[in-house]
């Protein structure tokens, strides 16, 4: 008999034409008998008894041995014995070996709920879309602890099949609104390009990294998957002369100042829309770091960027700490912030 199982009648008794074993194992209620019959042969019964012994041998403490014993005792006669690999993995993570792990879908819901407490609404909206349209339909049913790189590879193979079927239907003259792909849960099927695939991958990577930190799994299976990085054409930048031409052409426009600040300071669109006169200092003295001369200039601070989510404008917070920093514009560059008429105090 395998180590860890004491037997009174041996590992291969025959009852009613089937083989089995009778032993005693440690449990939380003390040492209890374990009887298993219904095996087709003595060899199969001996293998099952050895399986029980190997499971008990996994435990490094008496408490773990009792938990494993409880799990074995709870297994119905005729049902498969618990997996040694699962018990070993759970013990390695400091978990109860009998504890049923969560599914991928349940973990994604838990992770997203936590992210909603500390991430921007627009960021969480992207996470939710990736989870709803790709990750849950393909992976939700899988136990989290058994998710592997092969499952993730199959996810992106499915996306490639959807893209190929979409291209086939469009080539056949099917109108975009009428394209239907079996298994696609989106309201309207459209191509999931390389960049979007990388974002879906990044969402799954982040969720599984959180699972590793919380000791739900021992490693991130995304580490075994590599996606092709899309080649993007380098964007052409304006020359100084072209930027000056644009600023001059828009100087008289009601949004000319916003265009100027955007071109000269590289602000994000949400930050440009979120500038407020109440956060501006139009004549702030400073010392030129190059010449050492004393100068004055305008300083704008963006505290509440304006973003669009679901077709509605929302106030947000700066995307980075640097994003909520100061944006300066010297008065030697005309027209400057100080040269622009300030609106009435009721304008905000």
C-alpha atoms as a PDB file:
ATOM      1  CA  UNK A   1       0.000   0.000   0.000  1.00  0.00           C
ATOM      2  CA  UNK A   2       1.236   3.516  -0.735  1.00  0.00           C
ATOM      3  CA  UNK A   3       2.707   5.649   2.019  1.00  0.00           C
ATOM      4  CA  UNK A   4       0.098   7.466   4.116  1.00  0.00           C
ATOM      5  CA  UNK A   5      -2.712   4.894   3.896  1.00  0.00           C
ATOM      6  CA  UNK A   6      -3.000   2.199   6.522  1.00  0.00           C
ATOM      7  CA  UNK A   7      -5.102  -0.792   5.506  1.00  0.00           C
ATOM      8  CA  UNK A   8      -6.899  -3.487   7.404  1.00  0.00           C
ATOM      9  CA  UNK A   9      -7.887  -5.685   4.506  1.00  0.00           C
ATOM     10  CA  UNK A  10      -5.391  -4.876   1.779  1.00  0.00           C
ATOM     11  CA  UNK A  11      -5.639  -2.774  -1.370  1.00  0.00           C
ATOM     12  CA  UNK A  12      -7.320  -5.223  -3.700  1.00  0.00           C
ATOM     13  CA  UNK A  13     -10.318  -6.937  -2.113  1.00  0.00           C
ATOM     14  CA  UNK A  14     -12.967  -8.313  -4.415  1.00  0.00           C
ATOM     15  CA  UNK A  15     -16.626  -7.614  -3.770  1.00  0.00           C
ATOM     16  CA  UNK A  16     -19.476  -8.709  -6.033  1.00  0.00           C
ATOM     17  CA  UNK A  17     -17.143  -9.270  -8.931  1.00  0.00           C
ATOM     18  CA  UNK A  18     -15.322  -5.909  -8.677  1.00  0.00           C
ATOM     19  CA  UNK A  19     -12.021  -4.981  -7.066  1.00  0.00           C
ATOM     20  CA  UNK A  20     -11.369  -2.285  -4.489  1.00  0.00           C
ATOM     21  CA  UNK A  21      -9.423  -1.336  -1.389  1.00  0.00           C
ATOM     22  CA  UNK A  22     -10.086  -0.551   2.257  1.00  0.00           C
ATOM     23  CA  UNK A  23      -7.836   1.771   4.205  1.00  0.00           C
ATOM     24  CA  UNK A  24      -7.699   4.361   6.964  1.00  0.00           C
ATOM     25  CA  UNK A  25      -6.830   8.005   6.385  1.00  0.00           C
ATOM     26  CA  UNK A  26      -6.440  11.095   8.599  1.00  0.00           C
ATOM     27  CA  UNK A  27      -9.343  13.573   8.560  1.00  0.00           C
ATOM     28  CA  UNK A  28     -10.404  16.586  10.598  1.00  0.00           C
ATOM     29  CA  UNK A  29     -12.628  14.199  12.605  1.00  0.00           C
ATOM     30  CA  UNK A  30      -9.795  11.776  13.311  1.00  0.00           C
ATOM     31  CA  UNK A  31      -8.602   8.689  11.474  1.00  0.00           C
ATOM     32  CA  UNK A  32     -11.453   7.291   9.390  1.00  0.00           C
ATOM     33  CA  UNK A  33     -11.911   4.286   7.102  1.00  0.00           C
ATOM     34  CA  UNK A  34     -11.834   4.798   3.343  1.00  0.00           C
ATOM     35  CA  UNK A  35     -13.450   2.149   1.167  1.00  0.00           C
ATOM     36  CA  UNK A  36     -13.425   2.236  -2.609  1.00  0.00           C
ATOM     37  CA  UNK A  37     -14.873  -0.521  -4.774  1.00  0.00           C
ATOM     38  CA  UNK A  38     -16.113  -0.817  -8.324  1.00  0.00           C
ATOM     39  CA  UNK A  39     -12.748  -1.081 -10.098  1.00  0.00           C
ATOM     40  CA  UNK A  40     -12.599  -3.531 -13.024  1.00  0.00           C
ATOM     41  CA  UNK A  41      -9.413  -5.247 -11.840  1.00  0.00           C
ATOM     42  CA  UNK A  42      -7.054  -5.659  -8.901  1.00  0.00           C
ATOM     43  CA  UNK A  43      -4.472  -3.643 -10.837  1.00  0.00           C
ATOM     44  CA  UNK A  44      -6.878  -0.707 -11.145  1.00  0.00           C
ATOM     45  CA  UNK A  45      -7.700  -0.931  -7.426  1.00  0.00           C
ATOM     46  CA  UNK A  46      -3.999  -0.955  -6.538  1.00  0.00           C
ATOM     47  CA  UNK A  47      -3.426   2.126  -8.741  1.00  0.00           C
ATOM     48  CA  UNK A  48      -6.289   3.938  -6.967  1.00  0.00           C
ATOM     49  CA  UNK A  49      -4.877   3.052  -3.543  1.00  0.00           C
ATOM     50  CA  UNK A  50      -1.469   4.323  -4.632  1.00  0.00           C
ATOM     51  CA  UNK A  51      -3.144   7.527  -5.870  1.00  0.00           C
ATOM     52  CA  UNK A  52      -4.606   8.076  -2.404  1.00  0.00           C
ATOM     53  CA  UNK A  53      -1.217   7.545  -0.795  1.00  0.00           C
ATOM     54  CA  UNK A  54       0.500   9.953  -3.200  1.00  0.00           C
ATOM     55  CA  UNK A  55      -2.103  12.605  -2.463  1.00  0.00           C
ATOM     56  CA  UNK A  56      -1.539  12.317   1.290  1.00  0.00           C
ATOM     57  CA  UNK A  57       2.220  12.426   0.686  1.00  0.00           C
ATOM     58  CA  UNK A  58       1.824  15.900  -0.821  1.00  0.00           C
ATOM     59  CA  UNK A  59       1.055  17.357   2.609  1.00  0.00           C
ATOM     60  CA  UNK A  60       3.888  18.958   4.536  1.00  0.00           C
ATOM     61  CA  UNK A  61       1.843  19.506   7.708  1.00  0.00           C
ATOM     62  CA  UNK A  62      -0.666  17.462   9.664  1.00  0.00           C
ATOM     63  CA  UNK A  63      -3.300  20.118   8.943  1.00  0.00           C
ATOM     64  CA  UNK A  64      -2.806  19.684   5.190  1.00  0.00           C
ATOM     65  CA  UNK A  65      -2.987  15.886   5.562  1.00  0.00           C
ATOM     66  CA  UNK A  66      -6.311  16.206   7.326  1.00  0.00           C
ATOM     67  CA  UNK A  67      -7.644  18.564   4.617  1.00  0.00           C
ATOM     68  CA  UNK A  68      -6.602  16.112   1.913  1.00  0.00           C
ATOM     69  CA  UNK A  69      -8.231  13.316   3.902  1.00  0.00           C
ATOM     70  CA  UNK A  70     -11.460  15.300   4.119  1.00  0.00           C
ATOM     71  CA  UNK A  71     -11.384  15.796   0.339  1.00  0.00           C
ATOM     72  CA  UNK A  72     -10.853  12.076  -0.290  1.00  0.00           C
ATOM     73  CA  UNK A  73     -13.539  11.089   2.218  1.00  0.00           C
ATOM     74  CA  UNK A  74     -16.044  13.430   0.535  1.00  0.00           C
ATOM     75  CA  UNK A  75     -15.516  11.818  -2.878  1.00  0.00           C
ATOM     76  CA  UNK A  76     -18.435   9.558  -3.711  1.00  0.00           C
ATOM     77  CA  UNK A  77     -17.750   5.896  -4.393  1.00  0.00           C
ATOM     78  CA  UNK A  78     -17.529   5.443  -8.156  1.00  0.00           C
ATOM     79  CA  UNK A  79     -16.552   9.066  -8.791  1.00  0.00           C
ATOM     80  CA  UNK A  80     -12.993   9.878  -9.984  1.00  0.00           C
ATOM     81  CA  UNK A  81     -10.482  10.576  -7.227  1.00  0.00           C
ATOM     82  CA  UNK A  82      -9.312  14.191  -6.900  1.00  0.00           C
ATOM     83  CA  UNK A  83      -6.442  15.201  -9.153  1.00  0.00           C
ATOM     84  CA  UNK A  84      -2.956  15.063  -7.638  1.00  0.00           C
ATOM     85  CA  UNK A  85      -1.894  17.984  -9.856  1.00  0.00           C
ATOM     86  CA  UNK A  86      -4.779  20.173  -8.674  1.00  0.00           C
ATOM     87  CA  UNK A  87      -4.108  19.388  -5.011  1.00  0.00           C
ATOM     88  CA  UNK A  88      -0.382  20.031  -5.425  1.00  0.00           C
ATOM     89  CA  UNK A  89      -1.001  23.354  -7.173  1.00  0.00           C
ATOM     90  CA  UNK A  90      -3.450  24.550  -4.519  1.00  0.00           C
ATOM     91  CA  UNK A  91      -1.144  23.517  -1.674  1.00  0.00           C
ATOM     92  CA  UNK A  92       1.701  25.379  -3.376  1.00  0.00           C
ATOM     93  CA  UNK A  93      -0.424  28.525  -3.386  1.00  0.00           C
ATOM     94  CA  UNK A  94      -1.294  28.105   0.285  1.00  0.00           C
ATOM     95  CA  UNK A  95      -4.911  27.216  -0.505  1.00  0.00           C
ATOM     96  CA  UNK A  96      -7.176  24.502   0.820  1.00  0.00           C
ATOM     97  CA  UNK A  97      -6.691  21.557  -1.594  1.00  0.00           C
ATOM     98  CA  UNK A  98     -10.431  20.827  -1.452  1.00  0.00           C
ATOM     99  CA  UNK A  99     -11.414  24.400  -2.271  1.00  0.00           C
ATOM    100  CA  UNK A 100     -13.027  24.743  -5.670  1.00  0.00           C
ATOM    101  CA  UNK A 101     -11.340  27.486  -7.621  1.00  0.00           C
ATOM    102  CA  UNK A 102     -13.156  30.240  -9.504  1.00  0.00           C
ATOM    103  CA  UNK A 103     -13.718  30.214 -13.243  1.00  0.00           C
ATOM    104  CA  UNK A 104     -12.036  32.655 -15.579  1.00  0.00           C
ATOM    105  CA  UNK A 105     -15.353  34.467 -16.008  1.00  0.00           C
ATOM    106  CA  UNK A 106     -15.854  34.867 -12.264  1.00  0.00           C
ATOM    107  CA  UNK A 107     -12.323  36.175 -11.832  1.00  0.00           C
ATOM    108  CA  UNK A 108     -12.700  38.697 -14.671  1.00  0.00           C
ATOM    109  CA  UNK A 109     -15.867  40.051 -13.002  1.00  0.00           C
ATOM    110  CA  UNK A 110     -14.055  40.348  -9.654  1.00  0.00           C
ATOM    111  CA  UNK A 111     -11.042  42.038 -11.235  1.00  0.00           C
ATOM    112  CA  UNK A 112     -13.127  44.523 -13.229  1.00  0.00           C
ATOM    113  CA  UNK A 113     -15.165  45.481 -10.141  1.00  0.00           C
ATOM    114  CA  UNK A 114     -11.918  46.283  -8.311  1.00  0.00           C
ATOM    115  CA  UNK A 115     -10.633  48.343 -11.242  1.00  0.00           C
ATOM    116  CA  UNK A 116     -13.800  50.457 -11.293  1.00  0.00           C
ATOM    117  CA  UNK A 117     -12.830  51.791  -7.856  1.00  0.00           C
ATOM    118  CA  UNK A 118      -9.496  53.279  -8.909  1.00  0.00           C
ATOM    119  CA  UNK A 119      -9.359  53.547 -12.704  1.00  0.00           C
ATOM    120  CA  UNK A 120     -10.756  56.151 -15.068  1.00  0.00           C
ATOM    121  CA  UNK A 121     -14.215  55.454 -16.435  1.00  0.00           C
ATOM    122  CA  UNK A 122     -12.912  55.437 -20.013  1.00  0.00           C
ATOM    123  CA  UNK A 123     -10.248  52.858 -19.095  1.00  0.00           C
ATOM    124  CA  UNK A 124     -12.793  50.571 -17.409  1.00  0.00           C
ATOM    125  CA  UNK A 125     -15.097  50.912 -20.402  1.00  0.00           C
ATOM    126  CA  UNK A 126     -12.334  49.483 -22.587  1.00  0.00           C
ATOM    127  CA  UNK A 127     -11.717  46.636 -20.129  1.00  0.00           C
ATOM    128  CA  UNK A 128     -15.441  45.839 -20.014  1.00  0.00           C
ATOM    129  CA  UNK A 129     -15.723  45.734 -23.804  1.00  0.00           C
ATOM    130  CA  UNK A 130     -12.766  43.349 -24.148  1.00  0.00           C
ATOM    131  CA  UNK A 131     -14.150  41.075 -21.431  1.00  0.00           C
ATOM    132  CA  UNK A 132     -17.719  41.091 -22.758  1.00  0.00           C
ATOM    133  CA  UNK A 133     -16.960  40.614 -26.460  1.00  0.00           C
ATOM    134  CA  UNK A 134     -13.887  38.368 -26.453  1.00  0.00           C
ATOM    135  CA  UNK A 135     -12.596  37.031 -23.139  1.00  0.00           C
ATOM    136  CA  UNK A 136     -15.808  35.764 -21.554  1.00  0.00           C
ATOM    137  CA  UNK A 137     -17.332  34.139 -24.663  1.00  0.00           C
ATOM    138  CA  UNK A 138     -14.134  32.131 -25.219  1.00  0.00           C
ATOM    139  CA  UNK A 139     -12.681  31.587 -21.731  1.00  0.00           C
ATOM    140  CA  UNK A 140     -15.358  32.194 -19.068  1.00  0.00           C
ATOM    141  CA  UNK A 141     -16.216  28.518 -18.502  1.00  0.00           C
ATOM    142  CA  UNK A 142     -12.638  27.413 -17.801  1.00  0.00           C
ATOM    143  CA  UNK A 143     -11.357  26.980 -14.220  1.00  0.00           C
ATOM    144  CA  UNK A 144      -8.913  29.816 -13.605  1.00  0.00           C
ATOM    145  CA  UNK A 145      -6.261  27.491 -12.199  1.00  0.00           C
ATOM    146  CA  UNK A 146      -6.355  25.371 -15.385  1.00  0.00           C
ATOM    147  CA  UNK A 147      -6.151  28.214 -17.889  1.00  0.00           C
ATOM    148  CA  UNK A 148      -3.067  27.745 -20.040  1.00  0.00           C
ATOM    149  CA  UNK A 149      -1.310  29.297 -23.008  1.00  0.00           C
ATOM    150  CA  UNK A 150      -3.107  26.919 -25.407  1.00  0.00           C
ATOM    151  CA  UNK A 151      -6.493  28.318 -24.387  1.00  0.00           C
ATOM    152  CA  UNK A 152      -5.259  31.861 -25.009  1.00  0.00           C
ATOM    153  CA  UNK A 153      -3.753  30.899 -28.370  1.00  0.00           C
ATOM    154  CA  UNK A 154      -7.151  29.447 -29.343  1.00  0.00           C
ATOM    155  CA  UNK A 155      -8.837  32.737 -28.367  1.00  0.00           C
ATOM    156  CA  UNK A 156      -6.775  34.667 -30.890  1.00  0.00           C
ATOM    157  CA  UNK A 157      -7.133  31.905 -33.485  1.00  0.00           C
ATOM    158  CA  UNK A 158     -10.911  32.385 -33.114  1.00  0.00           C
ATOM    159  CA  UNK A 159     -10.516  36.122 -33.692  1.00  0.00           C
ATOM    160  CA  UNK A 160      -8.533  35.367 -36.868  1.00  0.00           C
ATOM    161  CA  UNK A 161     -11.297  33.023 -38.069  1.00  0.00           C
ATOM    162  CA  UNK A 162     -13.911  35.723 -37.440  1.00  0.00           C
ATOM    163  CA  UNK A 163     -11.839  38.230 -39.412  1.00  0.00           C
ATOM    164  CA  UNK A 164     -11.476  35.779 -42.319  1.00  0.00           C
ATOM    165  CA  UNK A 165     -15.213  35.030 -42.355  1.00  0.00           C
ATOM    166  CA  UNK A 166     -15.986  38.747 -42.229  1.00  0.00           C
ATOM    167  CA  UNK A 167     -13.727  39.374 -45.238  1.00  0.00           C
ATOM    168  CA  UNK A 168     -15.341  36.462 -47.119  1.00  0.00           C
ATOM    169  CA  UNK A 169     -18.871  37.767 -46.573  1.00  0.00           C
ATOM    170  CA  UNK A 170     -17.932  41.296 -47.541  1.00  0.00           C
ATOM    171  CA  UNK A 171     -16.238  40.028 -50.715  1.00  0.00           C
ATOM    172  CA  UNK A 172     -19.480  38.190 -51.495  1.00  0.00           C
ATOM    173  CA  UNK A 173     -21.350  41.492 -51.378  1.00  0.00           C
ATOM    174  CA  UNK A 174     -22.988  41.146 -47.964  1.00  0.00           C
ATOM    175  CA  UNK A 175     -23.819  44.580 -46.532  1.00  0.00           C
ATOM    176  CA  UNK A 176     -21.853  45.472 -43.350  1.00  0.00           C
ATOM    177  CA  UNK A 177     -25.041  45.579 -41.248  1.00  0.00           C
ATOM    178  CA  UNK A 178     -26.070  42.106 -42.490  1.00  0.00           C
ATOM    179  CA  UNK A 179     -22.812  40.264 -41.758  1.00  0.00           C
ATOM    180  CA  UNK A 180     -23.465  37.406 -39.328  1.00  0.00           C
ATOM    181  CA  UNK A 181     -20.744  35.192 -37.852  1.00  0.00           C
ATOM    182  CA  UNK A 182     -21.646  32.173 -35.737  1.00  0.00           C
ATOM    183  CA  UNK A 183     -20.390  32.677 -32.183  1.00  0.00           C
ATOM    184  CA  UNK A 184     -19.779  36.431 -32.485  1.00  0.00           C
ATOM    185  CA  UNK A 185     -21.611  38.090 -29.576  1.00  0.00           C
ATOM    186  CA  UNK A 186     -21.137  41.625 -30.860  1.00  0.00           C
ATOM    187  CA  UNK A 187     -24.151  43.474 -32.175  1.00  0.00           C
ATOM    188  CA  UNK A 188     -22.383  44.089 -35.473  1.00  0.00           C
ATOM    189  CA  UNK A 189     -19.467  42.012 -36.713  1.00  0.00           C
ATOM    190  CA  UNK A 190     -16.413  44.015 -37.676  1.00  0.00           C
ATOM    191  CA  UNK A 191     -12.736  43.332 -38.014  1.00  0.00           C
ATOM    192  CA  UNK A 192     -10.695  42.980 -34.830  1.00  0.00           C
ATOM    193  CA  UNK A 193      -7.366  44.316 -36.049  1.00  0.00           C
ATOM    194  CA  UNK A 194      -3.868  43.705 -34.657  1.00  0.00           C
ATOM    195  CA  UNK A 195      -3.934  46.782 -32.425  1.00  0.00           C
ATOM    196  CA  UNK A 196      -7.269  45.817 -30.851  1.00  0.00           C
ATOM    197  CA  UNK A 197      -6.004  42.265 -30.360  1.00  0.00           C
ATOM    198  CA  UNK A 198      -3.004  43.619 -28.459  1.00  0.00           C
ATOM    199  CA  UNK A 199      -5.367  45.605 -26.226  1.00  0.00           C
ATOM    200  CA  UNK A 200      -7.499  42.501 -25.535  1.00  0.00           C
ATOM    201  CA  UNK A 201      -4.286  40.644 -24.707  1.00  0.00           C
ATOM    202  CA  UNK A 202      -3.176  43.465 -22.392  1.00  0.00           C
ATOM    203  CA  UNK A 203      -6.516  43.343 -20.535  1.00  0.00           C
ATOM    204  CA  UNK A 204      -6.207  39.585 -19.988  1.00  0.00           C
ATOM    205  CA  UNK A 205      -2.550  39.952 -18.974  1.00  0.00           C
ATOM    206  CA  UNK A 206      -3.446  42.564 -16.338  1.00  0.00           C
ATOM    207  CA  UNK A 207      -6.320  40.465 -14.953  1.00  0.00           C
ATOM    208  CA  UNK A 208      -4.131  37.349 -14.690  1.00  0.00           C
ATOM    209  CA  UNK A 209      -1.273  39.305 -13.123  1.00  0.00           C
ATOM    210  CA  UNK A 210      -3.707  40.333 -10.398  1.00  0.00           C
ATOM    211  CA  UNK A 211      -4.644  36.666  -9.940  1.00  0.00           C
ATOM    212  CA  UNK A 212      -0.959  35.794  -9.498  1.00  0.00           C
ATOM    213  CA  UNK A 213      -0.546  38.544  -6.877  1.00  0.00           C
ATOM    214  CA  UNK A 214      -3.571  37.231  -4.965  1.00  0.00           C
ATOM    215  CA  UNK A 215      -2.201  33.659  -5.197  1.00  0.00           C
ATOM    216  CA  UNK A 216      -5.129  32.389  -7.235  1.00  0.00           C
ATOM    217  CA  UNK A 217      -2.690  30.991  -9.809  1.00  0.00           C
ATOM    218  CA  UNK A 218       1.062  30.403  -9.719  1.00  0.00           C
ATOM    219  CA  UNK A 219       1.976  32.050 -13.046  1.00  0.00           C
ATOM    220  CA  UNK A 220       0.481  34.124 -15.835  1.00  0.00           C
ATOM    221  CA  UNK A 221      -0.252  31.916 -18.875  1.00  0.00           C
ATOM    222  CA  UNK A 222      -0.130  34.997 -21.099  1.00  0.00           C
ATOM    223  CA  UNK A 223       3.640  34.737 -20.686  1.00  0.00           C
ATOM    224  CA  UNK A 224       3.551  31.779 -23.056  1.00  0.00           C
ATOM    225  CA  UNK A 225       1.723  33.651 -25.823  1.00  0.00           C
ATOM    226  CA  UNK A 226       3.300  36.111 -28.250  1.00  0.00           C
ATOM    227  CA  UNK A 227       1.213  38.264 -30.576  1.00  0.00           C
ATOM    228  CA  UNK A 228       2.559  39.862 -33.686  1.00  0.00           C
ATOM    229  CA  UNK A 229       3.270  43.558 -33.217  1.00  0.00           C
ATOM    230  CA  UNK A 230       1.534  45.508 -35.984  1.00  0.00           C
ATOM    231  CA  UNK A 231       3.651  47.650 -38.230  1.00  0.00           C
ATOM    232  CA  UNK A 232       2.450  51.233 -38.152  1.00  0.00           C
ATOM    233  CA  UNK A 233       3.540  53.909 -40.544  1.00  0.00           C
ATOM    234  CA  UNK A 234       5.455  56.707 -38.880  1.00  0.00           C
ATOM    235  CA  UNK A 235       3.296  59.780 -38.599  1.00  0.00           C
ATOM    236  CA  UNK A 236       4.536  62.832 -40.384  1.00  0.00           C
ATOM    237  CA  UNK A 237       5.227  65.755 -38.095  1.00  0.00           C
ATOM    238  CA  UNK A 238       4.790  69.377 -39.023  1.00  0.00           C
ATOM    239  CA  UNK A 239       7.898  71.379 -39.671  1.00  0.00           C
ATOM    240  CA  UNK A 240       8.353  74.571 -37.609  1.00  0.00           C
ATOM    241  CA  UNK A 241       7.323  76.575 -40.683  1.00  0.00           C
ATOM    242  CA  UNK A 242       4.113  74.540 -41.104  1.00  0.00           C
ATOM    243  CA  UNK A 243       3.263  74.899 -37.408  1.00  0.00           C
ATOM    244  CA  UNK A 244       3.799  78.672 -37.595  1.00  0.00           C
ATOM    245  CA  UNK A 245       1.623  78.855 -40.719  1.00  0.00           C
ATOM    246  CA  UNK A 246      -1.217  77.001 -38.932  1.00  0.00           C
ATOM    247  CA  UNK A 247      -0.988  79.191 -35.830  1.00  0.00           C
ATOM    248  CA  UNK A 248      -1.059  82.348 -37.972  1.00  0.00           C
ATOM    249  CA  UNK A 249      -4.015  81.099 -40.036  1.00  0.00           C
ATOM    250  CA  UNK A 250      -6.077  80.267 -36.927  1.00  0.00           C
ATOM    251  CA  UNK A 251      -5.093  83.296 -34.845  1.00  0.00           C
ATOM    252  CA  UNK A 252      -8.448  84.975 -35.429  1.00  0.00           C
ATOM    253  CA  UNK A 253     -10.524  81.871 -34.782  1.00  0.00           C
ATOM    254  CA  UNK A 254     -12.462  81.656 -31.518  1.00  0.00           C
ATOM    255  CA  UNK A 255     -10.445  78.532 -30.703  1.00  0.00           C
ATOM    256  CA  UNK A 256      -7.178  79.978 -31.951  1.00  0.00           C
ATOM    257  CA  UNK A 257      -5.659  80.102 -28.470  1.00  0.00           C
ATOM    258  CA  UNK A 258      -6.519  76.445 -27.882  1.00  0.00           C
ATOM    259  CA  UNK A 259      -4.900  75.516 -31.215  1.00  0.00           C
ATOM    260  CA  UNK A 260      -1.804  77.500 -30.310  1.00  0.00           C
ATOM    261  CA  UNK A 261      -1.408  75.860 -26.908  1.00  0.00           C
ATOM    262  CA  UNK A 262      -1.976  72.435 -28.441  1.00  0.00           C
ATOM    263  CA  UNK A 263       0.653  72.903 -31.152  1.00  0.00           C
ATOM    264  CA  UNK A 264       3.304  74.517 -28.951  1.00  0.00           C
ATOM    265  CA  UNK A 265       2.817  72.453 -25.782  1.00  0.00           C
ATOM    266  CA  UNK A 266       1.571  69.079 -27.066  1.00  0.00           C
ATOM    267  CA  UNK A 267      -1.449  68.826 -24.773  1.00  0.00           C
ATOM    268  CA  UNK A 268      -3.982  66.059 -25.154  1.00  0.00           C
ATOM    269  CA  UNK A 269      -7.382  66.931 -26.608  1.00  0.00           C
ATOM    270  CA  UNK A 270      -9.151  66.197 -23.333  1.00  0.00           C
ATOM    271  CA  UNK A 271      -6.746  68.532 -21.527  1.00  0.00           C
ATOM    272  CA  UNK A 272      -7.220  71.321 -24.058  1.00  0.00           C
ATOM    273  CA  UNK A 273     -10.984  71.123 -23.593  1.00  0.00           C
ATOM    274  CA  UNK A 274     -10.550  71.056 -19.815  1.00  0.00           C
ATOM    275  CA  UNK A 275      -8.543  74.277 -19.408  1.00  0.00           C
ATOM    276  CA  UNK A 276     -10.321  76.872 -17.235  1.00  0.00           C
ATOM    277  CA  UNK A 277      -9.558  80.518 -16.736  1.00  0.00           C
ATOM    278  CA  UNK A 278      -9.869  80.001 -12.982  1.00  0.00           C
ATOM    279  CA  UNK A 279      -6.773  77.776 -13.163  1.00  0.00           C
ATOM    280  CA  UNK A 280      -4.728  80.232 -15.264  1.00  0.00           C
ATOM    281  CA  UNK A 281      -2.015  82.692 -14.185  1.00  0.00           C
ATOM    282  CA  UNK A 282      -1.631  85.086 -17.099  1.00  0.00           C
ATOM    283  CA  UNK A 283       1.345  87.127 -15.877  1.00  0.00           C
ATOM    284  CA  UNK A 284       3.625  84.892 -13.830  1.00  0.00           C
ATOM    285  CA  UNK A 285       7.288  85.941 -13.496  1.00  0.00           C
ATOM    286  CA  UNK A 286      10.002  83.348 -14.057  1.00  0.00           C
ATOM    287  CA  UNK A 287      13.695  83.179 -14.892  1.00  0.00           C
ATOM    288  CA  UNK A 288      14.698  81.903 -18.344  1.00  0.00           C
ATOM    289  CA  UNK A 289      16.769  78.733 -17.720  1.00  0.00           C
ATOM    290  CA  UNK A 290      18.942  79.435 -20.791  1.00  0.00           C
ATOM    291  CA  UNK A 291      19.678  83.158 -20.651  1.00  0.00           C
ATOM    292  CA  UNK A 292      18.932  83.800 -16.972  1.00  0.00           C
ATOM    293  CA  UNK A 293      16.741  86.778 -17.944  1.00  0.00           C
ATOM    294  CA  UNK A 294      13.691  87.640 -15.890  1.00  0.00           C
ATOM    295  CA  UNK A 295      10.531  87.144 -17.913  1.00  0.00           C
ATOM    296  CA  UNK A 296       6.815  86.714 -17.462  1.00  0.00           C
ATOM    297  CA  UNK A 297       4.435  84.283 -19.041  1.00  0.00           C
ATOM    298  CA  UNK A 298       1.093  82.551 -18.777  1.00  0.00           C
ATOM    299  CA  UNK A 299       0.672  79.315 -16.857  1.00  0.00           C
ATOM    300  CA  UNK A 300      -2.334  77.068 -17.455  1.00  0.00           C
ATOM    301  CA  UNK A 301      -3.213  74.100 -15.240  1.00  0.00           C
ATOM    302  CA  UNK A 302      -5.614  71.370 -16.330  1.00  0.00           C
ATOM    303  CA  UNK A 303      -7.319  69.677 -13.416  1.00  0.00           C
ATOM    304  CA  UNK A 304     -10.444  68.192 -14.998  1.00  0.00           C
ATOM    305  CA  UNK A 305     -10.012  66.952 -18.585  1.00  0.00           C
ATOM    306  CA  UNK A 306     -13.175  66.621 -20.678  1.00  0.00           C
ATOM    307  CA  UNK A 307     -13.616  63.192 -22.255  1.00  0.00           C
ATOM    308  CA  UNK A 308     -16.344  61.562 -24.348  1.00  0.00           C
ATOM    309  CA  UNK A 309     -17.773  58.245 -23.140  1.00  0.00           C
ATOM    310  CA  UNK A 310     -20.691  56.618 -24.876  1.00  0.00           C
ATOM    311  CA  UNK A 311     -21.472  59.786 -26.818  1.00  0.00           C
ATOM    312  CA  UNK A 312     -21.606  61.933 -23.663  1.00  0.00           C
ATOM    313  CA  UNK A 313     -19.078  64.471 -22.372  1.00  0.00           C
ATOM    314  CA  UNK A 314     -17.717  63.748 -18.894  1.00  0.00           C
ATOM    315  CA  UNK A 315     -15.297  65.443 -16.546  1.00  0.00           C
ATOM    316  CA  UNK A 316     -12.392  63.192 -15.698  1.00  0.00           C
ATOM    317  CA  UNK A 317      -9.060  63.454 -13.934  1.00  0.00           C
ATOM    318  CA  UNK A 318      -5.641  63.884 -15.467  1.00  0.00           C
ATOM    319  CA  UNK A 319      -4.368  60.747 -17.186  1.00  0.00           C
ATOM    320  CA  UNK A 320      -0.965  61.038 -15.516  1.00  0.00           C
ATOM    321  CA  UNK A 321       0.550  63.163 -12.776  1.00  0.00           C
ATOM    322  CA  UNK A 322       2.386  65.080 -15.458  1.00  0.00           C
ATOM    323  CA  UNK A 323      -0.951  65.675 -17.154  1.00  0.00           C
ATOM    324  CA  UNK A 324      -2.151  67.760 -14.218  1.00  0.00           C
ATOM    325  CA  UNK A 325       1.048  69.802 -14.205  1.00  0.00           C
ATOM    326  CA  UNK A 326       1.552  73.314 -15.472  1.00  0.00           C
ATOM    327  CA  UNK A 327       1.619  74.350 -19.094  1.00  0.00           C
ATOM    328  CA  UNK A 328       3.475  77.596 -19.644  1.00  0.00           C
ATOM    329  CA  UNK A 329       3.518  80.014 -22.554  1.00  0.00           C
ATOM    330  CA  UNK A 330       5.891  82.964 -22.553  1.00  0.00           C
ATOM    331  CA  UNK A 331       4.572  86.394 -23.399  1.00  0.00           C
ATOM    332  CA  UNK A 332       7.428  86.935 -25.880  1.00  0.00           C
ATOM    333  CA  UNK A 333       5.536  84.681 -28.319  1.00  0.00           C
ATOM    334  CA  UNK A 334       2.624  86.648 -29.714  1.00  0.00           C
ATOM    335  CA  UNK A 335      -0.292  86.351 -29.589  1.00  0.00           C
ATOM    336  CA  UNK A 336      -0.067  84.919 -26.076  1.00  0.00           C
ATOM    337  CA  UNK A 337      -2.576  83.901 -23.449  1.00  0.00           C
ATOM    338  CA  UNK A 338      -2.262  87.307 -21.901  1.00  0.00           C
ATOM    339  CA  UNK A 339      -3.153  88.958 -25.219  1.00  0.00           C
ATOM    340  CA  UNK A 340      -6.411  87.009 -25.458  1.00  0.00           C
ATOM    341  CA  UNK A 341      -9.462  88.702 -24.017  1.00  0.00           C
ATOM    342  CA  UNK A 342     -10.455  87.057 -20.761  1.00  0.00           C
ATOM    343  CA  UNK A 343     -14.130  86.132 -20.551  1.00  0.00           C
ATOM    344  CA  UNK A 344     -16.396  87.507 -17.886  1.00  0.00           C
ATOM    345  CA  UNK A 345     -16.158  86.046 -14.359  1.00  0.00           C
ATOM    346  CA  UNK A 346     -19.307  84.022 -14.956  1.00  0.00           C
ATOM    347  CA  UNK A 347     -17.678  81.995 -17.718  1.00  0.00           C
ATOM    348  CA  UNK A 348     -15.654  79.742 -15.374  1.00  0.00           C
END
